Structures are given as structure tokens and as C-alpha cells.
Amino acid sequence: MRSRRSAREWAVRILYAQEMSKDSIEAVFDGILPGAPADDNLQFCRALCQKAADGQPQIDALITRAVEKWDLSRIAVLDHVILRLAITELLFFDDIPFKVTINEAIELAKRYSTDQSGRFVNGVLDAISADLKRATAAASGVTPS
């Protein structure tokens, strides 16, 4: 893998395959990337997939709150996977700015999903990132502006 963007693209493939097969994330990862070079981006991809799988209940709860009147089953599987991936970054990868995560997710949605997916993913992630920023500010005693 040459870049984090490439790692994210592989992570989408892995999470999609896991969602469809219901196999463990490790089994899917090992089946999709046999013999891949062990570089930092492969490690990033593996960490992203594992944290997304481990945090799925928490991540899906955030998505459910953000889409309010939609049932998760109404969200296209690929959009759902891209949202999970991005929310995993928002929650567990402090070194990645929210704006970068959201922009990358929008690009993935535009490239791999429907014509409307970019806007949908943007709206959901904007709402979730605003909630996370408010929660972080409240926890640190800072009043959000």
C-alpha cells in the first residue's frame, strides 16, 4: 500500500466483505491481502478494520442517532461501511484531523457508491463530528464556541 488513501480503500473492501460474509475481520483481512507488504499503511489498514469491527455497536449507535428517522437497514451497505470506517477514525485515531477523515470518506463514497452517497456521508459525518467535538469540549470543561 502506497498511501493512507489506498489503505482506506482496502479497508472499505475488507469491511464490505466482512459485512457480507459475516466472517471474522481477521479471516477476511487474511483472505483479501495475502502476502501484502508489511508497511505502515498496511498496519494502518489492519488497525482501522479491527477497531471498526470491535467498535461496531458504538459506531452504529452514533450513525442511528445522526440519521434519526432512518433505520440502519435502509442505508446502502457500502455507505454504511464507509460511515463505520470514518467514524472509527474520528473515535480512535487522534492524529487524523476530523476534516481529513470526512473528506476522505466523501471521496470514497463518490468513487465507490451512488451519486447521492457523497452528500449523504458528508451530512451524517458532519453531525457526528459536531457531537463528538461538543462531547470532548464538555469533558474538558471548555465551552464550545
N, C-alpha and C. Protein backbone atom coordinates (compact mmCIF):
# COMPACT_ATOMS: atom_id res chain seq x y z
N MET A 1 0.85 -1.17 0.00
CA MET A 1 0.00 0.00 0.00
C MET A 1 0.89 1.23 0.00
N ARG A 2 0.56 2.15 -0.85
CA ARG A 2 1.41 3.32 -1.00
C ARG A 2 0.98 4.50 -0.15
N SER A 3 -0.26 4.57 0.25
CA SER A 3 -0.74 5.75 0.96
C SER A 3 -1.87 5.38 1.91
N ARG A 4 -2.19 6.33 2.77
CA ARG A 4 -3.34 6.10 3.66
C ARG A 4 -4.64 6.02 2.86
N ARG A 5 -4.73 6.76 1.76
CA ARG A 5 -5.93 6.66 0.93
C ARG A 5 -6.08 5.24 0.40
N SER A 6 -5.00 4.68 -0.06
CA SER A 6 -5.02 3.30 -0.53
C SER A 6 -5.40 2.35 0.60
N ALA A 7 -4.87 2.60 1.79
CA ALA A 7 -5.21 1.78 2.95
C ALA A 7 -6.70 1.88 3.26
N ARG A 8 -7.27 3.07 3.14
CA ARG A 8 -8.71 3.24 3.38
C ARG A 8 -9.53 2.49 2.32
N GLU A 9 -9.08 2.53 1.08
CA GLU A 9 -9.79 1.80 0.02
C GLU A 9 -9.78 0.30 0.31
N TRP A 10 -8.64 -0.22 0.73
CA TRP A 10 -8.58 -1.63 1.10
C TRP A 10 -9.45 -1.91 2.32
N ALA A 11 -9.47 -0.98 3.27
CA ALA A 11 -10.30 -1.17 4.46
C ALA A 11 -11.78 -1.23 4.09
N VAL A 12 -12.21 -0.40 3.13
CA VAL A 12 -13.60 -0.47 2.67
C VAL A 12 -13.89 -1.84 2.09
N ARG A 13 -12.99 -2.35 1.27
CA ARG A 13 -13.18 -3.68 0.68
C ARG A 13 -13.27 -4.75 1.76
N ILE A 14 -12.38 -4.67 2.73
CA ILE A 14 -12.35 -5.67 3.79
C ILE A 14 -13.61 -5.60 4.63
N LEU A 15 -14.01 -4.38 5.04
CA LEU A 15 -15.21 -4.24 5.87
C LEU A 15 -16.48 -4.63 5.10
N TYR A 16 -16.50 -4.35 3.81
CA TYR A 16 -17.64 -4.76 2.99
C TYR A 16 -17.70 -6.29 2.90
N ALA A 17 -16.56 -6.91 2.66
CA ALA A 17 -16.51 -8.38 2.58
C ALA A 17 -16.92 -8.99 3.92
N GLN A 18 -16.48 -8.40 5.00
CA GLN A 18 -16.84 -8.90 6.33
C GLN A 18 -18.34 -8.75 6.57
N GLU A 19 -18.89 -7.62 6.17
CA GLU A 19 -20.33 -7.38 6.34
C GLU A 19 -21.15 -8.40 5.56
N MET A 20 -20.70 -8.72 4.36
CA MET A 20 -21.45 -9.65 3.51
C MET A 20 -21.25 -11.10 3.95
N SER A 21 -20.04 -11.45 4.37
CA SER A 21 -19.74 -12.84 4.71
C SER A 21 -20.03 -13.20 6.16
N LYS A 22 -19.98 -12.20 7.03
CA LYS A 22 -20.12 -12.37 8.48
C LYS A 22 -18.96 -13.17 9.08
N ASP A 23 -17.85 -13.32 8.31
CA ASP A 23 -16.65 -13.95 8.84
C ASP A 23 -15.96 -12.97 9.80
N SER A 24 -15.00 -13.47 10.56
CA SER A 24 -14.23 -12.58 11.44
C SER A 24 -13.43 -11.62 10.58
N ILE A 25 -13.15 -10.46 11.14
CA ILE A 25 -12.40 -9.45 10.39
C ILE A 25 -11.01 -9.97 10.04
N GLU A 26 -10.40 -10.73 10.94
CA GLU A 26 -9.07 -11.29 10.67
C GLU A 26 -9.12 -12.27 9.50
N ALA A 27 -10.14 -13.11 9.45
CA ALA A 27 -10.26 -14.08 8.35
C ALA A 27 -10.42 -13.36 7.02
N VAL A 28 -11.23 -12.33 7.01
CA VAL A 28 -11.43 -11.57 5.77
C VAL A 28 -10.15 -10.84 5.39
N PHE A 29 -9.52 -10.21 6.37
CA PHE A 29 -8.29 -9.48 6.10
C PHE A 29 -7.25 -10.42 5.49
N ASP A 30 -7.06 -11.56 6.10
CA ASP A 30 -6.07 -12.52 5.61
C ASP A 30 -6.44 -13.08 4.24
N GLY A 31 -7.72 -13.20 3.96
CA GLY A 31 -8.16 -13.70 2.67
C GLY A 31 -8.02 -12.69 1.54
N ILE A 32 -8.15 -11.42 1.86
CA ILE A 32 -8.10 -10.38 0.83
C ILE A 32 -6.68 -9.92 0.54
N LEU A 33 -5.84 -9.87 1.56
CA LEU A 33 -4.50 -9.33 1.37
C LEU A 33 -3.39 -10.35 1.64
N PRO A 34 -3.43 -11.50 1.01
CA PRO A 34 -2.36 -12.47 1.28
C PRO A 34 -1.03 -11.96 0.73
N GLY A 35 -0.02 -12.05 1.57
CA GLY A 35 1.32 -11.67 1.14
C GLY A 35 1.54 -10.20 0.92
N ALA A 36 0.65 -9.34 1.40
CA ALA A 36 0.83 -7.90 1.23
C ALA A 36 2.05 -7.43 2.02
N PRO A 37 2.77 -6.45 1.50
CA PRO A 37 3.96 -5.98 2.22
C PRO A 37 3.58 -5.36 3.56
N ALA A 38 4.37 -5.65 4.56
CA ALA A 38 4.10 -5.14 5.91
C ALA A 38 4.70 -3.75 6.05
N ASP A 39 3.96 -2.75 5.60
CA ASP A 39 4.41 -1.37 5.78
C ASP A 39 3.46 -0.65 6.72
N ASP A 40 3.73 0.61 6.99
CA ASP A 40 2.91 1.37 7.93
C ASP A 40 1.46 1.48 7.48
N ASN A 41 1.23 1.59 6.18
CA ASN A 41 -0.13 1.73 5.69
C ASN A 41 -0.92 0.43 5.79
N LEU A 42 -0.24 -0.69 5.65
CA LEU A 42 -0.91 -1.97 5.87
C LEU A 42 -1.30 -2.10 7.35
N GLN A 43 -0.41 -1.67 8.22
CA GLN A 43 -0.71 -1.70 9.65
C GLN A 43 -1.86 -0.75 9.98
N PHE A 44 -1.89 0.41 9.33
CA PHE A 44 -3.00 1.35 9.50
C PHE A 44 -4.30 0.71 9.04
N CYS A 45 -4.29 0.05 7.89
CA CYS A 45 -5.47 -0.63 7.36
C CYS A 45 -5.96 -1.70 8.34
N ARG A 46 -5.04 -2.51 8.83
CA ARG A 46 -5.40 -3.57 9.76
C ARG A 46 -5.99 -2.98 11.05
N ALA A 47 -5.36 -1.94 11.59
CA ALA A 47 -5.86 -1.30 12.82
C ALA A 47 -7.24 -0.70 12.59
N LEU A 48 -7.42 -0.05 11.46
CA LEU A 48 -8.70 0.56 11.12
C LEU A 48 -9.80 -0.50 11.05
N CYS A 49 -9.52 -1.60 10.37
CA CYS A 49 -10.51 -2.68 10.24
C CYS A 49 -10.83 -3.30 11.60
N GLN A 50 -9.81 -3.57 12.39
CA GLN A 50 -10.02 -4.20 13.69
C GLN A 50 -10.81 -3.30 14.63
N LYS A 51 -10.44 -2.02 14.67
CA LYS A 51 -11.16 -1.08 15.55
C LYS A 51 -12.60 -0.86 15.07
N ALA A 52 -12.81 -0.87 13.77
CA ALA A 52 -14.18 -0.74 13.24
C ALA A 52 -15.02 -1.95 13.64
N ALA A 53 -14.43 -3.13 13.54
CA ALA A 53 -15.16 -4.35 13.93
C ALA A 53 -15.42 -4.38 15.43
N ASP A 54 -14.41 -4.05 16.23
CA ASP A 54 -14.57 -4.06 17.68
C ASP A 54 -15.54 -3.00 18.17
N GLY A 55 -15.55 -1.85 17.50
CA GLY A 55 -16.40 -0.74 17.94
C GLY A 55 -17.73 -0.64 17.25
N GLN A 56 -18.10 -1.68 16.50
CA GLN A 56 -19.31 -1.61 15.68
C GLN A 56 -20.58 -1.21 16.45
N PRO A 57 -20.85 -1.76 17.63
CA PRO A 57 -22.07 -1.33 18.33
C PRO A 57 -22.08 0.17 18.65
N GLN A 58 -20.97 0.68 19.14
CA GLN A 58 -20.85 2.10 19.47
C GLN A 58 -20.96 2.95 18.20
N ILE A 59 -20.30 2.52 17.14
CA ILE A 59 -20.31 3.26 15.88
C ILE A 59 -21.71 3.28 15.28
N ASP A 60 -22.38 2.13 15.26
CA ASP A 60 -23.74 2.07 14.71
C ASP A 60 -24.72 2.89 15.55
N ALA A 61 -24.50 3.00 16.85
CA ALA A 61 -25.35 3.85 17.69
C ALA A 61 -25.19 5.31 17.29
N LEU A 62 -23.97 5.73 16.99
CA LEU A 62 -23.75 7.11 16.54
C LEU A 62 -24.43 7.36 15.19
N ILE A 63 -24.34 6.40 14.29
CA ILE A 63 -25.00 6.54 12.99
C ILE A 63 -26.51 6.62 13.18
N THR A 64 -27.06 5.76 14.02
CA THR A 64 -28.51 5.73 14.25
C THR A 64 -28.99 7.09 14.77
N ARG A 65 -28.25 7.67 15.71
CA ARG A 65 -28.63 8.99 16.24
C ARG A 65 -28.55 10.06 15.17
N ALA A 66 -27.55 9.97 14.30
CA ALA A 66 -27.35 11.01 13.28
C ALA A 66 -28.39 10.95 12.17
N VAL A 67 -28.89 9.77 11.85
CA VAL A 67 -29.85 9.66 10.76
C VAL A 67 -31.30 9.70 11.24
N GLU A 68 -31.48 9.85 12.52
CA GLU A 68 -32.76 10.00 13.22
C GLU A 68 -33.89 9.11 12.70
N LYS A 69 -34.51 9.47 11.61
CA LYS A 69 -35.73 8.78 11.18
C LYS A 69 -35.46 7.61 10.24
N TRP A 70 -34.21 7.30 10.02
CA TRP A 70 -33.85 6.20 9.14
C TRP A 70 -33.47 4.99 9.96
N ASP A 71 -33.87 3.84 9.50
CA ASP A 71 -33.41 2.59 10.08
C ASP A 71 -32.08 2.25 9.41
N LEU A 72 -31.15 1.68 10.16
CA LEU A 72 -29.85 1.34 9.58
C LEU A 72 -29.98 0.44 8.35
N SER A 73 -30.99 -0.39 8.33
CA SER A 73 -31.16 -1.31 7.20
C SER A 73 -31.50 -0.56 5.90
N ARG A 74 -31.93 0.69 6.00
CA ARG A 74 -32.25 1.48 4.80
C ARG A 74 -31.02 2.12 4.18
N ILE A 75 -29.92 2.14 4.92
CA ILE A 75 -28.69 2.75 4.40
C ILE A 75 -28.00 1.72 3.51
N ALA A 76 -27.56 2.15 2.35
CA ALA A 76 -26.84 1.26 1.44
C ALA A 76 -25.65 0.65 2.18
N VAL A 77 -25.41 -0.62 1.98
CA VAL A 77 -24.35 -1.33 2.70
C VAL A 77 -23.01 -0.62 2.53
N LEU A 78 -22.68 -0.22 1.34
CA LEU A 78 -21.40 0.44 1.10
C LEU A 78 -21.32 1.78 1.83
N ASP A 79 -22.39 2.54 1.83
CA ASP A 79 -22.41 3.80 2.58
C ASP A 79 -22.22 3.54 4.07
N HIS A 80 -22.87 2.50 4.56
CA HIS A 80 -22.77 2.12 5.97
C HIS A 80 -21.32 1.76 6.32
N VAL A 81 -20.68 1.00 5.45
CA VAL A 81 -19.29 0.61 5.66
C VAL A 81 -18.38 1.85 5.67
N ILE A 82 -18.59 2.75 4.73
CA ILE A 82 -17.78 3.98 4.66
C ILE A 82 -18.00 4.82 5.90
N LEU A 83 -19.23 4.92 6.37
CA LEU A 83 -19.51 5.66 7.61
C LEU A 83 -18.80 5.01 8.80
N ARG A 84 -18.88 3.68 8.90
CA ARG A 84 -18.20 2.99 10.00
C ARG A 84 -16.70 3.26 9.98
N LEU A 85 -16.13 3.20 8.80
CA LEU A 85 -14.70 3.44 8.64
C LEU A 85 -14.34 4.85 9.11
N ALA A 86 -15.08 5.83 8.65
CA ALA A 86 -14.79 7.22 9.02
C ALA A 86 -15.01 7.47 10.51
N ILE A 87 -16.07 6.93 11.06
CA ILE A 87 -16.35 7.14 12.48
C ILE A 87 -15.28 6.46 13.33
N THR A 88 -14.77 5.34 12.86
CA THR A 88 -13.65 4.68 13.55
C THR A 88 -12.47 5.64 13.62
N GLU A 89 -12.17 6.29 12.51
CA GLU A 89 -11.08 7.28 12.52
C GLU A 89 -11.38 8.42 13.49
N LEU A 90 -12.61 8.92 13.46
CA LEU A 90 -12.97 10.04 14.35
C LEU A 90 -12.80 9.66 15.82
N LEU A 91 -13.17 8.43 16.15
CA LEU A 91 -13.15 7.99 17.54
C LEU A 91 -11.78 7.53 18.03
N PHE A 92 -11.04 6.85 17.19
CA PHE A 92 -9.87 6.12 17.67
C PHE A 92 -8.52 6.56 17.08
N PHE A 93 -8.52 7.48 16.15
CA PHE A 93 -7.27 7.93 15.54
C PHE A 93 -7.11 9.44 15.74
N ASP A 94 -6.61 9.80 16.90
CA ASP A 94 -6.49 11.21 17.28
C ASP A 94 -5.53 12.00 16.39
N ASP A 95 -4.62 11.31 15.71
CA ASP A 95 -3.64 12.00 14.88
C ASP A 95 -4.20 12.44 13.53
N ILE A 96 -5.43 12.04 13.21
CA ILE A 96 -6.04 12.40 11.93
C ILE A 96 -7.10 13.47 12.17
N PRO A 97 -6.93 14.65 11.58
CA PRO A 97 -7.94 15.71 11.76
C PRO A 97 -9.31 15.28 11.24
N PHE A 98 -10.36 15.71 11.93
CA PHE A 98 -11.72 15.37 11.51
C PHE A 98 -11.96 15.72 10.05
N LYS A 99 -11.49 16.90 9.64
CA LYS A 99 -11.74 17.37 8.27
C LYS A 99 -11.14 16.39 7.25
N VAL A 100 -9.95 15.88 7.52
CA VAL A 100 -9.31 14.92 6.62
C VAL A 100 -10.14 13.65 6.53
N THR A 101 -10.56 13.14 7.68
CA THR A 101 -11.38 11.92 7.72
C THR A 101 -12.66 12.10 6.92
N ILE A 102 -13.34 13.21 7.13
CA ILE A 102 -14.61 13.45 6.44
C ILE A 102 -14.38 13.58 4.93
N ASN A 103 -13.37 14.33 4.53
CA ASN A 103 -13.08 14.48 3.10
C ASN A 103 -12.74 13.14 2.45
N GLU A 104 -11.96 12.33 3.12
CA GLU A 104 -11.61 11.01 2.58
C GLU A 104 -12.86 10.13 2.44
N ALA A 105 -13.73 10.17 3.43
CA ALA A 105 -14.97 9.38 3.37
C ALA A 105 -15.87 9.84 2.23
N ILE A 106 -15.96 11.13 2.03
CA ILE A 106 -16.78 11.66 0.92
C ILE A 106 -16.21 11.17 -0.41
N GLU A 107 -14.90 11.22 -0.56
CA GLU A 107 -14.28 10.75 -1.80
C GLU A 107 -14.52 9.26 -2.02
N LEU A 108 -14.41 8.46 -0.95
CA LEU A 108 -14.70 7.03 -1.08
C LEU A 108 -16.15 6.81 -1.51
N ALA A 109 -17.06 7.55 -0.90
CA ALA A 109 -18.48 7.39 -1.25
C ALA A 109 -18.74 7.79 -2.70
N LYS A 110 -18.15 8.88 -3.14
CA LYS A 110 -18.33 9.31 -4.53
C LYS A 110 -17.75 8.29 -5.50
N ARG A 111 -16.63 7.71 -5.13
CA ARG A 111 -15.94 6.79 -6.04
C ARG A 111 -16.60 5.41 -6.10
N TYR A 112 -17.05 4.92 -4.95
CA TYR A 112 -17.48 3.52 -4.89
C TYR A 112 -18.98 3.31 -4.70
N SER A 113 -19.73 4.35 -4.39
CA SER A 113 -21.15 4.15 -4.11
C SER A 113 -22.01 4.94 -5.10
N THR A 114 -23.17 5.37 -4.67
CA THR A 114 -24.14 6.01 -5.56
C THR A 114 -23.84 7.49 -5.77
N ASP A 115 -24.57 8.10 -6.69
CA ASP A 115 -24.40 9.53 -6.97
C ASP A 115 -24.73 10.40 -5.75
N GLN A 116 -25.64 9.94 -4.92
CA GLN A 116 -26.06 10.72 -3.75
C GLN A 116 -25.24 10.42 -2.50
N SER A 117 -24.38 9.43 -2.56
CA SER A 117 -23.67 8.96 -1.36
C SER A 117 -22.73 9.99 -0.77
N GLY A 118 -22.04 10.75 -1.60
CA GLY A 118 -21.12 11.76 -1.08
C GLY A 118 -21.81 12.76 -0.18
N ARG A 119 -22.96 13.25 -0.61
CA ARG A 119 -23.72 14.21 0.20
C ARG A 119 -24.27 13.56 1.46
N PHE A 120 -24.74 12.33 1.34
CA PHE A 120 -25.29 11.63 2.49
C PHE A 120 -24.20 11.41 3.54
N VAL A 121 -23.07 10.88 3.12
CA VAL A 121 -21.96 10.62 4.04
C VAL A 121 -21.49 11.92 4.68
N ASN A 122 -21.39 12.98 3.89
CA ASN A 122 -20.99 14.28 4.42
C ASN A 122 -21.95 14.75 5.52
N GLY A 123 -23.24 14.67 5.27
CA GLY A 123 -24.22 15.12 6.25
C GLY A 123 -24.16 14.34 7.55
N VAL A 124 -24.07 13.02 7.43
CA VAL A 124 -24.01 12.18 8.63
C VAL A 124 -22.73 12.46 9.42
N LEU A 125 -21.60 12.52 8.72
CA LEU A 125 -20.33 12.74 9.42
C LEU A 125 -20.21 14.14 10.00
N ASP A 126 -20.78 15.15 9.33
CA ASP A 126 -20.80 16.50 9.91
C ASP A 126 -21.55 16.51 11.24
N ALA A 127 -22.70 15.84 11.28
CA ALA A 127 -23.49 15.79 12.51
C ALA A 127 -22.74 15.04 13.61
N ILE A 128 -22.14 13.92 13.28
CA ILE A 128 -21.43 13.12 14.28
C ILE A 128 -20.19 13.85 14.77
N SER A 129 -19.44 14.46 13.86
CA SER A 129 -18.23 15.17 14.27
C SER A 129 -18.56 16.36 15.17
N ALA A 130 -19.66 17.05 14.89
CA ALA A 130 -20.08 18.16 15.75
C ALA A 130 -20.43 17.65 17.15
N ASP A 131 -21.14 16.52 17.22
CA ASP A 131 -21.48 15.93 18.52
C ASP A 131 -20.22 15.50 19.28
N LEU A 132 -19.28 14.89 18.58
CA LEU A 132 -18.04 14.45 19.22
C LEU A 132 -17.22 15.64 19.72
N LYS A 133 -17.18 16.70 18.94
CA LYS A 133 -16.45 17.90 19.37
C LYS A 133 -17.10 18.51 20.61
N ARG A 134 -18.43 18.55 20.63
CA ARG A 134 -19.14 19.09 21.81
C ARG A 134 -18.87 18.22 23.03
N ALA A 135 -18.91 16.91 22.86
CA ALA A 135 -18.66 16.00 23.97
C ALA A 135 -17.24 16.14 24.51
N THR A 136 -16.28 16.29 23.60
CA THR A 136 -14.89 16.46 24.02
C THR A 136 -14.72 17.77 24.75
N ALA A 137 -15.33 18.83 24.24
CA ALA A 137 -15.24 20.13 24.90
C ALA A 137 -15.88 20.09 26.29
N ALA A 138 -17.03 19.45 26.39
CA ALA A 138 -17.71 19.35 27.68
C ALA A 138 -16.89 18.54 28.69
N ALA A 139 -16.27 17.47 28.21
CA ALA A 139 -15.46 16.63 29.09
C ALA A 139 -14.22 17.37 29.59
N SER A 140 -13.71 18.28 28.77
CA SER A 140 -12.52 19.02 29.18
C SER A 140 -12.86 20.33 29.89
N GLY A 141 -14.15 20.62 30.01
CA GLY A 141 -14.59 21.83 30.70
C GLY A 141 -14.53 23.09 29.85
N VAL A 142 -14.33 22.93 28.55
CA VAL A 142 -14.27 24.05 27.63
C VAL A 142 -15.66 24.28 27.05
N THR A 143 -16.06 25.53 27.00
CA THR A 143 -17.35 25.86 26.40
C THR A 143 -17.17 26.00 24.90
N PRO A 144 -17.90 25.19 24.10
CA PRO A 144 -17.75 25.30 22.64
C PRO A 144 -18.25 26.64 22.14
N SER A 145 -17.58 27.15 21.12
CA SER A 145 -17.99 28.47 20.57
C SER A 145 -18.93 28.30 19.41
